N, C-alpha and C. Protein backbone atom coordinates (compact mmCIF):
# COMPACT_ATOMS: atom_id res chain seq x y z
N UNK A 1 163.16 50.96 100.23
CA UNK A 1 164.10 50.88 101.30
C UNK A 1 163.49 50.17 102.48
N UNK A 2 164.29 49.39 103.15
CA UNK A 2 163.80 48.63 104.31
C UNK A 2 164.11 49.39 105.58
N UNK A 3 163.56 50.58 105.67
CA UNK A 3 163.76 51.40 106.89
C UNK A 3 162.83 50.94 107.99
N UNK A 4 163.30 51.13 109.24
CA UNK A 4 162.46 50.85 110.39
C UNK A 4 162.72 51.87 111.47
N UNK A 5 161.72 52.12 112.34
CA UNK A 5 161.97 52.92 113.50
C UNK A 5 162.87 52.17 114.45
N UNK A 6 163.45 52.88 115.42
CA UNK A 6 164.42 52.26 116.32
C UNK A 6 164.42 52.94 117.70
N UNK A 7 164.89 52.21 118.69
CA UNK A 7 165.14 52.79 120.01
C UNK A 7 166.48 53.45 119.96
N UNK A 8 166.54 54.69 120.48
CA UNK A 8 167.75 55.48 120.33
C UNK A 8 168.40 55.79 121.69
N UNK A 9 169.69 56.07 121.59
CA UNK A 9 170.44 56.64 122.72
C UNK A 9 170.64 58.09 122.33
N UNK A 10 170.15 59.01 123.18
CA UNK A 10 170.19 60.43 122.97
C UNK A 10 170.95 61.13 124.09
N UNK A 11 171.51 62.28 123.83
CA UNK A 11 172.19 63.02 124.91
C UNK A 11 171.20 63.66 125.91
N UNK A 12 171.52 63.58 127.18
CA UNK A 12 170.73 64.28 128.18
C UNK A 12 171.16 65.75 128.16
N UNK A 13 170.63 66.52 129.10
CA UNK A 13 171.06 67.93 129.20
C UNK A 13 172.55 68.05 129.40
N UNK A 14 173.13 67.21 130.26
CA UNK A 14 174.58 67.28 130.44
C UNK A 14 175.33 66.82 129.19
N UNK A 15 174.77 65.85 128.49
CA UNK A 15 175.39 65.41 127.23
C UNK A 15 175.34 66.51 126.17
N UNK A 16 174.25 67.24 126.10
CA UNK A 16 174.15 68.33 125.15
C UNK A 16 175.16 69.41 125.47
N UNK A 17 175.39 69.65 126.75
CA UNK A 17 176.42 70.63 127.15
C UNK A 17 177.79 70.15 126.69
N UNK A 18 178.06 68.83 126.78
CA UNK A 18 179.33 68.30 126.33
C UNK A 18 179.49 68.41 124.81
N UNK A 19 178.39 68.29 124.07
CA UNK A 19 178.45 68.48 122.62
C UNK A 19 178.82 69.93 122.36
N UNK A 20 178.20 70.86 123.08
CA UNK A 20 178.41 72.29 122.87
C UNK A 20 179.88 72.68 123.11
N UNK A 21 180.53 71.98 124.03
CA UNK A 21 181.89 72.33 124.41
C UNK A 21 182.92 71.35 123.86
N UNK A 22 182.51 70.35 123.08
CA UNK A 22 183.36 69.33 122.51
C UNK A 22 184.09 68.53 123.58
N UNK A 23 183.45 68.36 124.72
CA UNK A 23 184.04 67.53 125.80
C UNK A 23 184.01 66.08 125.41
N UNK A 24 185.02 65.36 125.83
CA UNK A 24 185.13 63.94 125.48
C UNK A 24 184.93 62.99 126.65
N UNK A 25 184.73 63.54 127.81
CA UNK A 25 184.60 62.72 129.02
C UNK A 25 183.16 62.32 129.28
N UNK A 26 182.56 61.55 128.36
CA UNK A 26 181.17 61.12 128.46
C UNK A 26 181.04 59.97 129.45
N UNK A 27 179.93 59.96 130.20
CA UNK A 27 179.60 58.84 131.08
C UNK A 27 178.10 58.54 131.01
N UNK A 28 177.66 57.61 131.80
CA UNK A 28 176.25 57.17 131.71
C UNK A 28 175.24 58.27 132.04
N UNK A 29 175.64 59.29 132.76
CA UNK A 29 174.74 60.42 133.07
C UNK A 29 174.46 61.29 131.84
N UNK A 30 175.26 61.15 130.83
CA UNK A 30 175.17 62.03 129.68
C UNK A 30 174.29 61.53 128.54
N UNK A 31 173.77 60.31 128.69
CA UNK A 31 172.87 59.77 127.66
C UNK A 31 171.68 59.09 128.27
N UNK A 32 170.64 58.95 127.48
CA UNK A 32 169.44 58.22 127.91
C UNK A 32 168.95 57.40 126.74
N UNK A 33 168.23 56.33 127.04
CA UNK A 33 167.71 55.46 125.99
C UNK A 33 166.21 55.64 125.90
N UNK A 34 165.70 55.81 124.70
CA UNK A 34 164.27 55.96 124.52
C UNK A 34 163.57 54.63 124.78
N UNK A 35 162.31 54.68 125.12
CA UNK A 35 161.56 53.44 125.43
C UNK A 35 160.80 52.90 124.21
N UNK A 36 160.55 53.76 123.22
CA UNK A 36 159.79 53.36 122.05
C UNK A 36 160.63 53.46 120.79
N UNK A 37 160.37 52.58 119.84
CA UNK A 37 161.04 52.63 118.53
C UNK A 37 160.39 53.79 117.73
N UNK A 38 161.22 54.64 117.19
CA UNK A 38 160.74 55.83 116.45
C UNK A 38 161.69 56.16 115.32
N UNK A 39 161.16 56.96 114.39
CA UNK A 39 162.03 57.65 113.43
C UNK A 39 162.32 59.03 114.03
N UNK A 40 163.30 59.72 113.46
CA UNK A 40 163.69 61.05 113.91
C UNK A 40 163.82 61.99 112.75
N UNK A 41 163.20 63.13 112.85
CA UNK A 41 163.50 64.25 111.91
C UNK A 41 164.72 64.90 112.45
N UNK A 42 165.62 65.26 111.57
CA UNK A 42 166.90 65.84 111.96
C UNK A 42 167.10 67.09 111.17
N UNK A 43 167.26 68.24 111.85
CA UNK A 43 167.50 69.49 111.16
C UNK A 43 168.86 70.00 111.54
N UNK A 44 169.69 70.26 110.51
CA UNK A 44 170.99 70.92 110.74
C UNK A 44 170.86 72.35 110.27
N UNK A 45 171.38 73.29 111.02
CA UNK A 45 171.37 74.69 110.60
C UNK A 45 172.77 75.24 110.67
N UNK A 46 173.22 75.82 109.56
CA UNK A 46 174.55 76.42 109.47
C UNK A 46 174.41 77.74 108.73
N UNK A 47 174.81 78.82 109.37
CA UNK A 47 174.72 80.15 108.75
C UNK A 47 173.32 80.48 108.24
N UNK A 48 172.33 80.07 109.01
CA UNK A 48 170.93 80.38 108.67
C UNK A 48 170.32 79.43 107.63
N UNK A 49 171.08 78.48 107.11
CA UNK A 49 170.58 77.56 106.10
C UNK A 49 170.18 76.22 106.85
N UNK A 50 168.97 75.78 106.60
CA UNK A 50 168.46 74.56 107.25
C UNK A 50 168.49 73.37 106.26
N UNK A 51 168.89 72.22 106.78
CA UNK A 51 168.83 71.01 105.96
C UNK A 51 168.10 69.94 106.76
N UNK A 52 167.12 69.28 106.14
CA UNK A 52 166.33 68.25 106.82
C UNK A 52 166.77 66.87 106.44
N UNK A 53 166.76 66.00 107.44
CA UNK A 53 167.09 64.59 107.19
C UNK A 53 166.11 63.73 107.98
N UNK A 54 165.97 62.48 107.58
CA UNK A 54 165.19 61.48 108.29
C UNK A 54 166.14 60.41 108.74
N UNK A 55 166.12 60.08 110.04
CA UNK A 55 166.99 59.05 110.54
C UNK A 55 166.17 57.79 110.85
N UNK A 56 166.61 56.66 110.31
CA UNK A 56 165.93 55.37 110.54
C UNK A 56 166.96 54.27 110.64
N UNK A 57 166.49 53.10 111.06
CA UNK A 57 167.43 51.95 111.09
C UNK A 57 167.47 51.31 109.72
N UNK A 58 168.58 50.69 109.39
CA UNK A 58 168.89 50.10 108.10
C UNK A 58 169.35 48.66 108.31
N UNK A 59 168.91 47.75 107.44
CA UNK A 59 169.33 46.34 107.63
C UNK A 59 170.86 46.22 107.57
N UNK A 60 171.42 45.46 108.48
CA UNK A 60 172.87 45.36 108.61
C UNK A 60 173.50 44.58 107.45
N UNK A 61 172.73 43.77 106.75
CA UNK A 61 173.34 42.92 105.72
C UNK A 61 173.20 43.52 104.31
N UNK A 62 172.95 44.79 104.21
CA UNK A 62 172.82 45.44 102.88
C UNK A 62 173.89 46.48 102.69
N UNK A 63 174.41 46.57 101.47
CA UNK A 63 175.32 47.67 101.14
C UNK A 63 174.45 48.89 100.91
N UNK A 64 175.08 50.06 100.90
CA UNK A 64 174.32 51.30 100.69
C UNK A 64 175.24 52.29 99.92
N UNK A 65 174.67 53.07 99.09
CA UNK A 65 175.41 54.12 98.44
C UNK A 65 175.24 55.38 99.31
N UNK A 66 176.34 55.99 99.61
CA UNK A 66 176.31 57.11 100.58
C UNK A 66 177.01 58.34 100.04
N UNK A 67 176.51 59.50 100.49
CA UNK A 67 177.16 60.78 100.17
C UNK A 67 178.29 61.03 101.17
N UNK A 68 178.06 60.63 102.42
CA UNK A 68 179.08 60.82 103.45
C UNK A 68 179.08 59.56 104.33
N UNK A 69 180.17 58.78 104.23
CA UNK A 69 180.27 57.60 105.10
C UNK A 69 180.59 58.05 106.50
N UNK A 70 180.21 57.23 107.46
CA UNK A 70 180.53 57.58 108.87
C UNK A 70 179.82 56.61 109.79
N UNK A 71 179.70 57.02 111.05
CA UNK A 71 179.01 56.17 112.03
C UNK A 71 177.55 55.96 111.60
N UNK A 72 176.99 56.98 110.92
CA UNK A 72 175.71 56.91 110.32
C UNK A 72 175.85 57.35 108.86
N UNK A 73 175.61 56.45 107.90
CA UNK A 73 175.75 56.84 106.51
C UNK A 73 174.69 57.86 106.13
N UNK A 74 175.07 58.79 105.28
CA UNK A 74 174.13 59.77 104.72
C UNK A 74 173.74 59.31 103.33
N UNK A 75 172.45 59.05 103.13
CA UNK A 75 171.96 58.47 101.89
C UNK A 75 171.02 59.47 101.18
N UNK A 76 171.26 59.66 99.87
CA UNK A 76 170.46 60.56 99.07
C UNK A 76 169.26 59.79 98.50
N UNK A 77 168.08 60.44 98.53
CA UNK A 77 166.91 59.84 97.94
C UNK A 77 166.09 60.91 97.23
N UNK A 78 165.24 60.49 96.24
CA UNK A 78 164.41 61.46 95.55
C UNK A 78 163.36 61.99 96.51
N UNK A 79 163.08 63.29 96.42
CA UNK A 79 162.13 63.94 97.33
C UNK A 79 160.79 63.22 97.28
N UNK A 80 160.19 63.03 98.45
CA UNK A 80 158.88 62.35 98.58
C UNK A 80 157.90 63.35 99.22
N UNK A 81 156.85 63.71 98.49
CA UNK A 81 155.89 64.67 99.03
C UNK A 81 155.31 64.25 100.37
N UNK A 82 155.06 62.95 100.55
CA UNK A 82 154.49 62.49 101.82
C UNK A 82 155.44 62.77 102.98
N UNK A 83 156.71 62.53 102.77
CA UNK A 83 157.74 62.76 103.78
C UNK A 83 157.82 64.24 104.10
N UNK A 84 157.81 65.05 103.08
CA UNK A 84 157.92 66.51 103.27
C UNK A 84 156.71 67.01 104.07
N UNK A 85 155.52 66.48 103.79
CA UNK A 85 154.31 66.89 104.50
C UNK A 85 154.40 66.47 105.97
N UNK A 86 154.89 65.24 106.19
CA UNK A 86 155.01 64.75 107.55
C UNK A 86 156.00 65.55 108.39
N UNK A 87 157.11 65.95 107.75
CA UNK A 87 158.11 66.79 108.46
C UNK A 87 157.45 68.11 108.86
N UNK A 88 156.83 68.77 107.89
CA UNK A 88 156.21 70.07 108.18
C UNK A 88 155.19 69.96 109.30
N UNK A 89 154.35 68.95 109.23
CA UNK A 89 153.27 68.76 110.21
C UNK A 89 153.88 68.47 111.59
N UNK A 90 154.85 67.56 111.67
CA UNK A 90 155.38 67.15 112.98
C UNK A 90 156.13 68.27 113.66
N UNK A 91 157.08 68.88 112.97
CA UNK A 91 157.90 69.90 113.65
C UNK A 91 157.14 71.17 113.90
N UNK A 92 156.01 71.36 113.20
CA UNK A 92 155.19 72.51 113.49
C UNK A 92 154.37 72.40 114.77
N UNK A 93 154.25 71.17 115.29
CA UNK A 93 153.41 70.94 116.44
C UNK A 93 154.13 70.46 117.67
N UNK A 94 155.35 69.96 117.53
CA UNK A 94 156.09 69.38 118.64
C UNK A 94 157.45 69.99 118.82
N UNK A 95 157.93 70.01 120.04
CA UNK A 95 159.27 70.54 120.34
C UNK A 95 160.33 69.45 120.06
N UNK A 96 161.53 69.85 119.70
CA UNK A 96 162.59 68.86 119.49
C UNK A 96 162.98 68.21 120.84
N UNK A 97 163.44 66.94 120.77
CA UNK A 97 163.93 66.25 121.96
C UNK A 97 165.37 66.57 122.23
N UNK A 98 166.08 67.02 121.19
CA UNK A 98 167.48 67.46 121.32
C UNK A 98 167.62 68.74 120.50
N UNK A 99 168.26 69.74 121.11
CA UNK A 99 168.59 70.96 120.37
C UNK A 99 169.89 71.48 120.93
N UNK A 100 170.92 71.45 120.10
CA UNK A 100 172.27 71.80 120.56
C UNK A 100 173.07 72.42 119.42
N UNK A 101 173.90 73.41 119.75
CA UNK A 101 174.81 74.01 118.82
C UNK A 101 176.21 73.59 119.17
N UNK A 102 176.94 73.04 118.19
CA UNK A 102 178.28 72.53 118.46
C UNK A 102 179.32 73.63 118.29
N UNK A 103 180.57 73.26 118.48
CA UNK A 103 181.68 74.24 118.43
C UNK A 103 181.91 74.78 117.00
N UNK A 104 181.38 74.10 115.98
CA UNK A 104 181.49 74.60 114.59
C UNK A 104 180.30 75.52 114.25
N UNK A 105 179.49 75.83 115.24
CA UNK A 105 178.31 76.72 115.10
C UNK A 105 177.20 76.10 114.27
N UNK A 106 177.16 74.79 114.24
CA UNK A 106 176.08 74.06 113.57
C UNK A 106 175.06 73.71 114.64
N UNK A 107 173.78 74.09 114.41
CA UNK A 107 172.72 73.72 115.33
C UNK A 107 172.09 72.40 114.88
N UNK A 108 171.96 71.47 115.80
CA UNK A 108 171.38 70.16 115.53
C UNK A 108 170.10 70.02 116.32
N UNK A 109 169.03 69.68 115.65
CA UNK A 109 167.74 69.47 116.29
C UNK A 109 167.19 68.11 115.89
N UNK A 110 166.70 67.37 116.87
CA UNK A 110 166.06 66.07 116.63
C UNK A 110 164.64 66.07 117.14
N UNK A 111 163.72 65.62 116.32
CA UNK A 111 162.35 65.42 116.73
C UNK A 111 162.08 63.92 116.72
N UNK A 112 161.64 63.37 117.82
CA UNK A 112 161.25 61.95 117.88
C UNK A 112 159.79 61.79 117.44
N UNK A 113 159.57 60.89 116.49
CA UNK A 113 158.22 60.61 116.03
C UNK A 113 157.62 59.59 116.99
N UNK A 114 156.68 60.06 117.85
CA UNK A 114 156.16 59.23 118.91
C UNK A 114 154.84 58.55 118.59
N UNK A 115 154.23 58.91 117.48
CA UNK A 115 152.94 58.31 117.11
C UNK A 115 153.18 57.13 116.20
N UNK A 116 152.69 55.95 116.58
CA UNK A 116 152.93 54.73 115.79
C UNK A 116 152.35 54.85 114.38
N UNK A 117 151.24 55.55 114.21
CA UNK A 117 150.64 55.71 112.86
C UNK A 117 151.59 56.47 111.95
N UNK A 118 152.24 57.50 112.47
CA UNK A 118 153.16 58.30 111.64
C UNK A 118 154.41 57.47 111.34
N UNK A 119 154.91 56.70 112.29
CA UNK A 119 156.05 55.84 111.99
C UNK A 119 155.67 54.83 110.90
N UNK A 120 154.45 54.26 110.97
CA UNK A 120 153.98 53.35 109.94
C UNK A 120 153.88 54.03 108.58
N UNK A 121 153.37 55.28 108.59
CA UNK A 121 153.28 56.02 107.32
C UNK A 121 154.68 56.26 106.70
N UNK A 122 155.66 56.55 107.55
CA UNK A 122 157.01 56.75 107.02
C UNK A 122 157.56 55.47 106.43
N UNK A 123 157.42 54.36 107.13
CA UNK A 123 157.88 53.09 106.62
C UNK A 123 157.24 52.74 105.29
N UNK A 124 155.91 52.97 105.22
CA UNK A 124 155.16 52.68 104.00
C UNK A 124 155.59 53.60 102.85
N UNK A 125 155.72 54.89 103.14
CA UNK A 125 156.10 55.86 102.11
C UNK A 125 157.50 55.59 101.56
N UNK A 126 158.42 55.14 102.42
CA UNK A 126 159.80 54.93 101.96
C UNK A 126 160.07 53.53 101.40
N UNK A 127 159.17 52.59 101.59
CA UNK A 127 159.37 51.20 101.14
C UNK A 127 159.67 51.10 99.63
N UNK A 128 158.95 51.78 98.76
CA UNK A 128 159.21 51.64 97.32
C UNK A 128 160.33 52.55 96.80
N UNK A 129 160.88 53.38 97.68
CA UNK A 129 161.91 54.35 97.26
C UNK A 129 163.28 53.67 97.19
N UNK A 130 164.00 53.97 96.13
CA UNK A 130 165.35 53.44 95.96
C UNK A 130 166.35 54.55 96.23
N UNK A 131 167.36 54.31 97.08
CA UNK A 131 168.37 55.36 97.26
C UNK A 131 169.04 55.71 95.92
N UNK A 132 169.36 56.96 95.76
CA UNK A 132 170.04 57.38 94.54
C UNK A 132 171.47 56.86 94.53
N UNK A 133 171.94 56.39 93.38
CA UNK A 133 173.30 55.88 93.26
C UNK A 133 174.23 57.09 93.38
N UNK A 134 175.25 56.94 94.20
CA UNK A 134 176.26 57.97 94.35
C UNK A 134 177.63 57.32 94.16
N UNK A 135 178.65 58.08 94.37
CA UNK A 135 180.00 57.66 94.05
C UNK A 135 180.56 56.57 95.01
N UNK A 136 179.94 56.44 96.15
CA UNK A 136 180.52 55.50 97.14
C UNK A 136 179.49 54.48 97.60
N UNK A 137 179.83 53.20 97.36
CA UNK A 137 179.03 52.11 97.92
C UNK A 137 179.82 51.54 99.07
N UNK A 138 179.14 51.37 100.21
CA UNK A 138 179.87 50.93 101.40
C UNK A 138 179.01 49.94 102.18
N UNK A 139 179.59 49.41 103.23
CA UNK A 139 178.86 48.52 104.11
C UNK A 139 177.83 49.33 104.88
N UNK A 140 176.76 48.68 105.26
CA UNK A 140 175.71 49.39 105.98
C UNK A 140 176.14 49.74 107.41
N UNK A 141 175.51 50.75 107.92
CA UNK A 141 175.63 51.15 109.31
C UNK A 141 174.24 50.89 109.91
N UNK A 142 174.13 50.66 111.22
CA UNK A 142 172.82 50.36 111.81
C UNK A 142 171.78 51.46 111.58
N UNK A 143 172.24 52.71 111.42
CA UNK A 143 171.31 53.81 111.16
C UNK A 143 171.74 54.50 109.87
N UNK A 144 170.76 55.11 109.19
CA UNK A 144 171.04 55.97 108.03
C UNK A 144 170.33 57.28 108.22
N UNK A 145 170.96 58.34 107.63
CA UNK A 145 170.31 59.65 107.55
C UNK A 145 169.93 59.81 106.07
N UNK A 146 168.66 59.94 105.85
CA UNK A 146 168.17 60.13 104.47
C UNK A 146 167.96 61.59 104.22
N UNK A 147 168.50 62.06 103.13
CA UNK A 147 168.39 63.46 102.75
C UNK A 147 167.96 63.54 101.29
N UNK A 148 166.94 64.34 101.02
CA UNK A 148 166.49 64.48 99.64
C UNK A 148 167.51 65.29 98.83
N UNK A 149 167.47 65.12 97.52
CA UNK A 149 168.40 65.82 96.62
C UNK A 149 168.33 67.33 96.82
N UNK A 150 167.11 67.87 96.92
CA UNK A 150 166.97 69.32 97.05
C UNK A 150 167.53 69.81 98.42
N UNK A 151 167.35 69.03 99.47
CA UNK A 151 167.90 69.39 100.77
C UNK A 151 169.44 69.30 100.75
N UNK A 152 169.96 68.27 100.11
CA UNK A 152 171.43 68.06 100.08
C UNK A 152 172.14 69.27 99.45
N UNK A 153 171.53 69.82 98.44
CA UNK A 153 172.16 70.92 97.70
C UNK A 153 172.19 72.24 98.48
N UNK A 154 171.51 72.31 99.62
CA UNK A 154 171.47 73.55 100.38
C UNK A 154 172.78 73.91 101.04
N UNK A 155 173.59 72.93 101.40
CA UNK A 155 174.86 73.14 102.08
C UNK A 155 176.01 72.70 101.18
N UNK A 156 176.96 73.59 100.98
CA UNK A 156 178.11 73.29 100.11
C UNK A 156 178.96 72.14 100.63
N UNK A 157 179.13 72.12 101.97
CA UNK A 157 179.93 71.12 102.65
C UNK A 157 179.08 70.50 103.75
N UNK A 158 179.05 69.16 103.78
CA UNK A 158 178.28 68.51 104.83
C UNK A 158 178.86 68.76 106.19
N UNK A 159 178.07 69.25 107.16
CA UNK A 159 178.61 69.47 108.53
C UNK A 159 178.89 68.12 109.17
N UNK A 160 179.80 68.14 110.13
CA UNK A 160 180.14 66.97 110.92
C UNK A 160 179.01 66.76 111.91
N UNK A 161 178.55 65.52 112.04
CA UNK A 161 177.51 65.18 112.99
C UNK A 161 178.18 64.74 114.29
N UNK A 162 177.84 65.34 115.41
CA UNK A 162 178.47 64.91 116.68
C UNK A 162 178.24 63.41 116.92
N UNK A 163 179.28 62.72 117.27
CA UNK A 163 179.20 61.28 117.45
C UNK A 163 178.14 60.86 118.47
N UNK A 164 177.94 61.67 119.50
CA UNK A 164 177.01 61.30 120.55
C UNK A 164 175.60 61.87 120.34
N UNK A 165 175.31 62.46 119.19
CA UNK A 165 173.99 63.07 118.95
C UNK A 165 172.87 62.01 119.00
N UNK A 166 173.08 60.89 118.32
CA UNK A 166 172.08 59.82 118.29
C UNK A 166 172.79 58.51 117.93
N UNK A 167 172.32 57.43 118.54
CA UNK A 167 172.86 56.11 118.25
C UNK A 167 171.75 55.08 118.42
N UNK A 168 171.94 53.92 117.81
CA UNK A 168 171.01 52.82 117.95
C UNK A 168 171.20 52.23 119.34
N UNK A 169 170.12 52.09 120.07
CA UNK A 169 170.20 51.44 121.39
C UNK A 169 170.39 49.95 121.21
N UNK A 170 171.26 49.37 121.96
CA UNK A 170 171.46 47.93 121.86
C UNK A 170 170.75 47.26 122.99
N UNK A 171 170.26 46.09 122.77
CA UNK A 171 169.56 45.34 123.81
C UNK A 171 170.54 44.35 124.40
N UNK A 172 170.49 44.21 125.70
CA UNK A 172 171.44 43.28 126.32
C UNK A 172 170.70 42.32 127.22
């Protein structure tokens, strides 16, 4: 996979409050743009069940097979021990940059990978990995959420990801 770290737009404290209440009146005070390109560990929790995902940028000129199409495609991949180790190590030592529970009682946590060596390790570990073929092939989205087969099976129905949780920062 041709994954890359990216600069993200994330919700501020006021933006997280708007996610909690499903408010739609977002403005510039509700988001902030990161200064460094990073990958993000993403944990969804519903009814005590946790599902881990890796969020990275995806080439815009490639199709992708997805489990859930959307603003960010959800892509299934075979479990990678290096990625699992990196998730455990990172989230065990650092606090999430976003932690919010939405109106559907799903808790969303994002950890920004701020060490360039770890971002490089992720890119290297995922380069030879091929996404698993699924029932839907679609156009690419700027970001993808990668979820391993074992993680995908933890939740019977995929939770809705808040639209403002994370986005690719655009340069102007």
